Amino acid sequence: MGPKKSTGSKKLKTGASTSQATSPYDAERFSSLTQFERYQGLQKRKIWSEKQFNLTPDGQFRHFISSMDDRNWGRLINPPSSINVDLVREFYANVMPIDEDEPYSFTTMVRGRALG
């Protein structure tokens, strides 16, 4: 006869190391926990899309429209109607400095890429 099997509960070894702490936020999307918490606060707020203008090319503002077209600024008059609110919230969560006494850096991070 072989040795008896224990019926007591034992912890199973998973092979995973416990030396590396897991972050409570997605470090790829947010620089710090503070910015992740800002993002969570922004999820409660409504995001308004850009104001669109209905200007006719033959109307009163035709010179303005022509100037905008010459500069390839037509998207300022007619911005996209659909927006990715998740990206907008991520942008604004990361743009604010972590410390209120810290000056604005005029850079932000979206999906792990620095913008500025």
N, C-alpha and C. Protein backbone atom coordinates (compact mmCIF):
# COMPACT_ATOMS: atom_id res chain seq x y z
N MET A 1 0.81 -1.18 0.00
CA MET A 1 0.00 0.00 0.00
C MET A 1 0.86 1.25 0.00
N GLY A 2 0.40 2.27 -0.74
CA GLY A 2 1.14 3.53 -0.80
C GLY A 2 0.75 4.45 0.34
N PRO A 3 1.38 5.61 0.41
CA PRO A 3 1.07 6.56 1.48
C PRO A 3 -0.35 7.10 1.32
N LYS A 4 -0.97 7.43 2.45
CA LYS A 4 -2.33 7.97 2.43
C LYS A 4 -2.33 9.38 1.87
N LYS A 5 -3.38 9.71 1.13
CA LYS A 5 -3.53 11.06 0.59
C LYS A 5 -4.14 11.93 1.67
N SER A 6 -3.63 13.12 1.80
CA SER A 6 -4.16 14.05 2.79
C SER A 6 -5.47 14.63 2.31
N THR A 7 -6.44 14.73 3.18
CA THR A 7 -7.72 15.33 2.84
C THR A 7 -7.79 16.78 3.28
N GLY A 8 -6.77 17.28 3.94
CA GLY A 8 -6.74 18.67 4.39
C GLY A 8 -6.53 19.61 3.21
N SER A 9 -6.92 20.86 3.39
CA SER A 9 -6.76 21.83 2.29
C SER A 9 -5.34 22.37 2.29
N LYS A 10 -4.77 22.39 1.15
CA LYS A 10 -3.43 22.96 0.97
C LYS A 10 -3.51 23.97 -0.15
N LYS A 11 -2.67 24.99 -0.07
CA LYS A 11 -2.61 25.98 -1.14
C LYS A 11 -1.95 25.36 -2.35
N LEU A 12 -2.52 25.61 -3.49
CA LEU A 12 -1.91 25.14 -4.73
C LEU A 12 -0.86 26.14 -5.18
N LYS A 13 0.25 25.63 -5.62
CA LYS A 13 1.28 26.50 -6.16
C LYS A 13 0.96 26.77 -7.62
N THR A 14 0.94 28.03 -7.97
CA THR A 14 0.58 28.40 -9.34
C THR A 14 1.80 28.65 -10.20
N GLY A 15 2.94 28.81 -9.59
CA GLY A 15 4.14 29.09 -10.36
C GLY A 15 4.33 30.56 -10.63
N ALA A 16 3.35 31.37 -10.31
CA ALA A 16 3.45 32.81 -10.52
C ALA A 16 4.20 33.44 -9.36
N SER A 17 5.03 34.38 -9.68
CA SER A 17 5.79 35.09 -8.66
C SER A 17 4.93 36.16 -8.00
N THR A 18 5.06 36.31 -6.71
CA THR A 18 4.31 37.36 -6.00
C THR A 18 5.17 38.58 -5.75
N SER A 19 6.38 38.58 -6.29
CA SER A 19 7.27 39.71 -6.04
C SER A 19 6.87 40.95 -6.84
N GLN A 20 6.12 40.79 -7.90
CA GLN A 20 5.71 41.92 -8.73
C GLN A 20 4.29 42.33 -8.36
N ALA A 21 4.16 43.55 -7.87
CA ALA A 21 2.84 44.04 -7.45
C ALA A 21 2.04 44.45 -8.68
N THR A 22 0.76 44.17 -8.64
CA THR A 22 -0.09 44.58 -9.74
C THR A 22 -0.59 45.99 -9.47
N SER A 23 -0.70 46.76 -10.51
CA SER A 23 -1.13 48.15 -10.40
C SER A 23 -2.66 48.21 -10.37
N PRO A 24 -3.23 49.07 -9.51
CA PRO A 24 -4.69 49.18 -9.46
C PRO A 24 -5.28 49.94 -10.64
N TYR A 25 -4.44 50.39 -11.57
CA TYR A 25 -4.90 51.12 -12.75
C TYR A 25 -4.09 50.66 -13.95
N ASP A 26 -4.53 50.98 -15.13
CA ASP A 26 -3.85 50.61 -16.37
C ASP A 26 -2.71 51.60 -16.62
N ALA A 27 -1.49 51.19 -16.34
CA ALA A 27 -0.33 52.07 -16.48
C ALA A 27 -0.05 52.42 -17.93
N GLU A 28 -0.60 51.67 -18.86
CA GLU A 28 -0.45 51.98 -20.28
C GLU A 28 -1.27 53.22 -20.65
N ARG A 29 -2.38 53.42 -19.96
CA ARG A 29 -3.28 54.53 -20.28
C ARG A 29 -3.15 55.72 -19.33
N PHE A 30 -2.67 55.50 -18.11
CA PHE A 30 -2.62 56.58 -17.12
C PHE A 30 -1.25 56.62 -16.46
N SER A 31 -0.76 57.83 -16.21
CA SER A 31 0.56 58.01 -15.62
C SER A 31 0.57 57.68 -14.13
N SER A 32 -0.57 57.86 -13.48
CA SER A 32 -0.62 57.63 -12.03
C SER A 32 -2.03 57.24 -11.61
N LEU A 33 -2.14 56.83 -10.37
CA LEU A 33 -3.44 56.49 -9.80
C LEU A 33 -4.34 57.72 -9.74
N THR A 34 -3.75 58.89 -9.49
CA THR A 34 -4.51 60.14 -9.44
C THR A 34 -5.22 60.39 -10.77
N GLN A 35 -4.52 60.18 -11.86
CA GLN A 35 -5.12 60.41 -13.17
C GLN A 35 -6.18 59.36 -13.50
N PHE A 36 -5.98 58.15 -13.04
CA PHE A 36 -7.00 57.12 -13.23
C PHE A 36 -8.27 57.49 -12.44
N GLU A 37 -8.10 58.01 -11.24
CA GLU A 37 -9.25 58.44 -10.44
C GLU A 37 -9.97 59.61 -11.10
N ARG A 38 -9.20 60.52 -11.74
CA ARG A 38 -9.82 61.61 -12.50
C ARG A 38 -10.67 61.05 -13.64
N TYR A 39 -10.12 60.05 -14.31
CA TYR A 39 -10.84 59.40 -15.42
C TYR A 39 -12.16 58.81 -14.93
N GLN A 40 -12.12 58.16 -13.78
CA GLN A 40 -13.35 57.58 -13.23
C GLN A 40 -14.37 58.67 -12.91
N GLY A 41 -13.89 59.82 -12.42
CA GLY A 41 -14.79 60.94 -12.16
C GLY A 41 -15.38 61.50 -13.45
N LEU A 42 -14.59 61.51 -14.51
CA LEU A 42 -15.07 62.02 -15.80
C LEU A 42 -16.10 61.08 -16.43
N GLN A 43 -16.10 59.83 -16.04
CA GLN A 43 -17.08 58.89 -16.60
C GLN A 43 -18.49 59.26 -16.19
N LYS A 44 -18.64 60.00 -15.12
CA LYS A 44 -19.96 60.42 -14.65
C LYS A 44 -20.46 61.66 -15.39
N ARG A 45 -19.56 62.31 -16.13
CA ARG A 45 -19.92 63.56 -16.80
C ARG A 45 -20.24 63.33 -18.27
N LYS A 46 -21.13 64.12 -18.78
CA LYS A 46 -21.52 64.04 -20.19
C LYS A 46 -20.47 64.76 -21.04
N ILE A 47 -20.11 64.18 -22.16
CA ILE A 47 -19.17 64.78 -23.11
C ILE A 47 -19.99 65.38 -24.25
N TRP A 48 -19.78 66.65 -24.49
CA TRP A 48 -20.49 67.35 -25.56
C TRP A 48 -19.60 67.38 -26.79
N SER A 49 -20.15 67.06 -27.94
CA SER A 49 -19.37 67.13 -29.18
C SER A 49 -19.25 68.59 -29.61
N GLU A 50 -18.39 68.82 -30.58
CA GLU A 50 -18.14 70.18 -31.07
C GLU A 50 -19.39 70.78 -31.70
N LYS A 51 -19.50 72.08 -31.63
CA LYS A 51 -20.60 72.82 -32.25
C LYS A 51 -20.38 72.83 -33.76
N GLN A 52 -21.42 72.52 -34.50
CA GLN A 52 -21.34 72.56 -35.95
C GLN A 52 -22.06 73.79 -36.48
N PHE A 53 -21.50 74.35 -37.53
CA PHE A 53 -22.08 75.55 -38.15
C PHE A 53 -22.67 75.18 -39.50
N ASN A 54 -23.83 75.70 -39.78
CA ASN A 54 -24.47 75.47 -41.08
C ASN A 54 -24.29 76.73 -41.93
N LEU A 55 -23.15 76.79 -42.61
CA LEU A 55 -22.85 77.93 -43.48
C LEU A 55 -22.94 77.47 -44.93
N THR A 56 -23.63 78.23 -45.74
CA THR A 56 -23.75 77.89 -47.16
C THR A 56 -22.66 78.62 -47.94
N PRO A 57 -22.04 77.93 -48.91
CA PRO A 57 -20.95 78.54 -49.67
C PRO A 57 -21.36 79.80 -50.44
N ASP A 58 -22.63 79.96 -50.76
CA ASP A 58 -23.09 81.13 -51.50
C ASP A 58 -23.71 82.18 -50.58
N GLY A 59 -23.69 81.95 -49.29
CA GLY A 59 -24.37 82.83 -48.34
C GLY A 59 -23.52 84.02 -47.92
N GLN A 60 -23.94 84.62 -46.84
CA GLN A 60 -23.34 85.84 -46.32
C GLN A 60 -21.87 85.65 -45.92
N PHE A 61 -21.49 84.44 -45.50
CA PHE A 61 -20.14 84.19 -45.01
C PHE A 61 -19.27 83.45 -46.03
N ARG A 62 -19.52 83.64 -47.32
CA ARG A 62 -18.78 82.91 -48.35
C ARG A 62 -17.29 83.23 -48.33
N HIS A 63 -16.91 84.47 -47.99
CA HIS A 63 -15.48 84.83 -47.93
C HIS A 63 -14.80 84.11 -46.76
N PHE A 64 -15.52 83.99 -45.67
CA PHE A 64 -15.00 83.27 -44.51
C PHE A 64 -14.80 81.79 -44.85
N ILE A 65 -15.78 81.19 -45.50
CA ILE A 65 -15.68 79.78 -45.89
C ILE A 65 -14.53 79.58 -46.87
N SER A 66 -14.37 80.51 -47.80
CA SER A 66 -13.27 80.44 -48.76
C SER A 66 -11.92 80.50 -48.05
N SER A 67 -11.79 81.39 -47.07
CA SER A 67 -10.54 81.50 -46.30
C SER A 67 -10.26 80.22 -45.52
N MET A 68 -11.29 79.65 -44.94
CA MET A 68 -11.12 78.40 -44.19
C MET A 68 -10.69 77.27 -45.12
N ASP A 69 -11.30 77.19 -46.30
CA ASP A 69 -10.94 76.16 -47.27
C ASP A 69 -9.52 76.34 -47.78
N ASP A 70 -9.09 77.60 -48.00
CA ASP A 70 -7.73 77.88 -48.48
C ASP A 70 -6.68 77.38 -47.49
N ARG A 71 -7.01 77.40 -46.22
CA ARG A 71 -6.08 76.97 -45.17
C ARG A 71 -6.28 75.50 -44.76
N ASN A 72 -7.18 74.81 -45.45
CA ASN A 72 -7.53 73.42 -45.11
C ASN A 72 -8.06 73.31 -43.69
N TRP A 73 -8.87 74.28 -43.27
CA TRP A 73 -9.45 74.32 -41.93
C TRP A 73 -10.94 73.99 -41.97
N GLY A 74 -11.38 73.32 -43.01
CA GLY A 74 -12.79 73.00 -43.15
C GLY A 74 -13.35 72.17 -42.00
N ARG A 75 -12.50 71.36 -41.37
CA ARG A 75 -12.95 70.53 -40.25
C ARG A 75 -13.31 71.38 -39.03
N LEU A 76 -12.81 72.61 -38.98
CA LEU A 76 -13.19 73.49 -37.86
C LEU A 76 -14.64 73.93 -38.00
N ILE A 77 -15.09 74.09 -39.23
CA ILE A 77 -16.48 74.48 -39.47
C ILE A 77 -17.39 73.27 -39.35
N ASN A 78 -16.95 72.14 -39.89
CA ASN A 78 -17.75 70.91 -39.88
C ASN A 78 -16.96 69.79 -39.21
N PRO A 79 -16.87 69.79 -37.88
CA PRO A 79 -16.12 68.74 -37.19
C PRO A 79 -16.84 67.39 -37.30
N PRO A 80 -16.12 66.30 -37.04
CA PRO A 80 -16.77 64.98 -37.09
C PRO A 80 -17.94 64.92 -36.12
N SER A 81 -19.01 64.27 -36.54
CA SER A 81 -20.20 64.21 -35.69
C SER A 81 -20.10 63.11 -34.64
N SER A 82 -19.30 62.08 -34.89
CA SER A 82 -19.14 61.02 -33.89
C SER A 82 -17.77 61.15 -33.23
N ILE A 83 -17.75 60.98 -31.92
CA ILE A 83 -16.51 61.09 -31.17
C ILE A 83 -16.33 59.85 -30.31
N ASN A 84 -15.08 59.55 -29.98
CA ASN A 84 -14.77 58.45 -29.07
C ASN A 84 -14.67 59.04 -27.67
N VAL A 85 -15.74 58.96 -26.90
CA VAL A 85 -15.79 59.61 -25.59
C VAL A 85 -14.76 59.01 -24.63
N ASP A 86 -14.41 57.75 -24.81
CA ASP A 86 -13.40 57.12 -23.97
C ASP A 86 -12.04 57.80 -24.15
N LEU A 87 -11.68 58.09 -25.40
CA LEU A 87 -10.41 58.78 -25.67
C LEU A 87 -10.44 60.21 -25.15
N VAL A 88 -11.57 60.88 -25.28
CA VAL A 88 -11.69 62.26 -24.79
C VAL A 88 -11.49 62.29 -23.28
N ARG A 89 -12.13 61.38 -22.56
CA ARG A 89 -11.99 61.33 -21.10
C ARG A 89 -10.55 61.00 -20.70
N GLU A 90 -9.93 60.08 -21.42
CA GLU A 90 -8.54 59.71 -21.13
C GLU A 90 -7.62 60.91 -21.35
N PHE A 91 -7.85 61.65 -22.43
CA PHE A 91 -7.06 62.85 -22.72
C PHE A 91 -7.15 63.84 -21.56
N TYR A 92 -8.36 64.17 -21.13
CA TYR A 92 -8.54 65.17 -20.08
C TYR A 92 -8.09 64.67 -18.71
N ALA A 93 -8.17 63.38 -18.46
CA ALA A 93 -7.69 62.84 -17.19
C ALA A 93 -6.17 62.96 -17.08
N ASN A 94 -5.47 62.78 -18.19
CA ASN A 94 -4.01 62.81 -18.18
C ASN A 94 -3.43 64.21 -18.37
N VAL A 95 -4.21 65.15 -18.86
CA VAL A 95 -3.67 66.48 -19.15
C VAL A 95 -3.42 67.30 -17.88
N MET A 96 -4.18 67.04 -16.83
CA MET A 96 -4.02 67.80 -15.59
C MET A 96 -2.78 67.31 -14.85
N PRO A 97 -2.00 68.24 -14.26
CA PRO A 97 -0.84 67.81 -13.48
C PRO A 97 -1.28 67.02 -12.25
N ILE A 98 -0.43 66.12 -11.80
CA ILE A 98 -0.75 65.29 -10.64
C ILE A 98 -0.85 66.15 -9.39
N ASP A 99 0.10 67.06 -9.22
CA ASP A 99 0.12 67.96 -8.06
C ASP A 99 -0.43 69.32 -8.49
N GLU A 100 -1.31 69.89 -7.70
CA GLU A 100 -1.90 71.19 -8.05
C GLU A 100 -0.87 72.31 -8.11
N ASP A 101 0.23 72.18 -7.37
CA ASP A 101 1.28 73.21 -7.37
C ASP A 101 2.21 73.07 -8.57
N GLU A 102 2.13 71.96 -9.26
CA GLU A 102 2.97 71.69 -10.42
C GLU A 102 2.46 72.48 -11.62
N PRO A 103 3.37 73.10 -12.40
CA PRO A 103 2.90 73.85 -13.58
C PRO A 103 2.41 72.90 -14.68
N TYR A 104 1.57 73.43 -15.56
CA TYR A 104 1.09 72.64 -16.69
C TYR A 104 2.25 72.33 -17.62
N SER A 105 2.30 71.09 -18.09
CA SER A 105 3.38 70.70 -19.00
C SER A 105 2.95 70.81 -20.46
N PHE A 106 1.64 71.00 -20.70
CA PHE A 106 1.08 71.09 -22.05
C PHE A 106 1.32 69.82 -22.85
N THR A 107 1.49 68.71 -22.16
CA THR A 107 1.54 67.41 -22.80
C THR A 107 0.56 66.50 -22.08
N THR A 108 0.09 65.51 -22.78
CA THR A 108 -0.81 64.53 -22.19
C THR A 108 -0.49 63.18 -22.79
N MET A 109 -1.16 62.16 -22.30
CA MET A 109 -0.92 60.81 -22.78
C MET A 109 -2.27 60.18 -23.14
N VAL A 110 -2.33 59.56 -24.30
CA VAL A 110 -3.52 58.83 -24.72
C VAL A 110 -3.07 57.48 -25.26
N ARG A 111 -3.58 56.42 -24.67
CA ARG A 111 -3.26 55.04 -25.06
C ARG A 111 -1.75 54.79 -25.07
N GLY A 112 -1.06 55.34 -24.07
CA GLY A 112 0.36 55.11 -23.91
C GLY A 112 1.26 55.98 -24.77
N ARG A 113 0.69 56.87 -25.56
CA ARG A 113 1.49 57.75 -26.42
C ARG A 113 1.41 59.17 -25.91
N ALA A 114 2.57 59.81 -25.81
CA ALA A 114 2.62 61.20 -25.35
C ALA A 114 2.19 62.13 -26.48
N LEU A 115 1.36 63.10 -26.14
CA LEU A 115 0.91 64.12 -27.09
C LEU A 115 1.30 65.47 -26.53
N GLY A 116 1.78 66.34 -27.39
CA GLY A 116 2.10 67.66 -26.87
C GLY A 116 2.69 68.59 -27.83
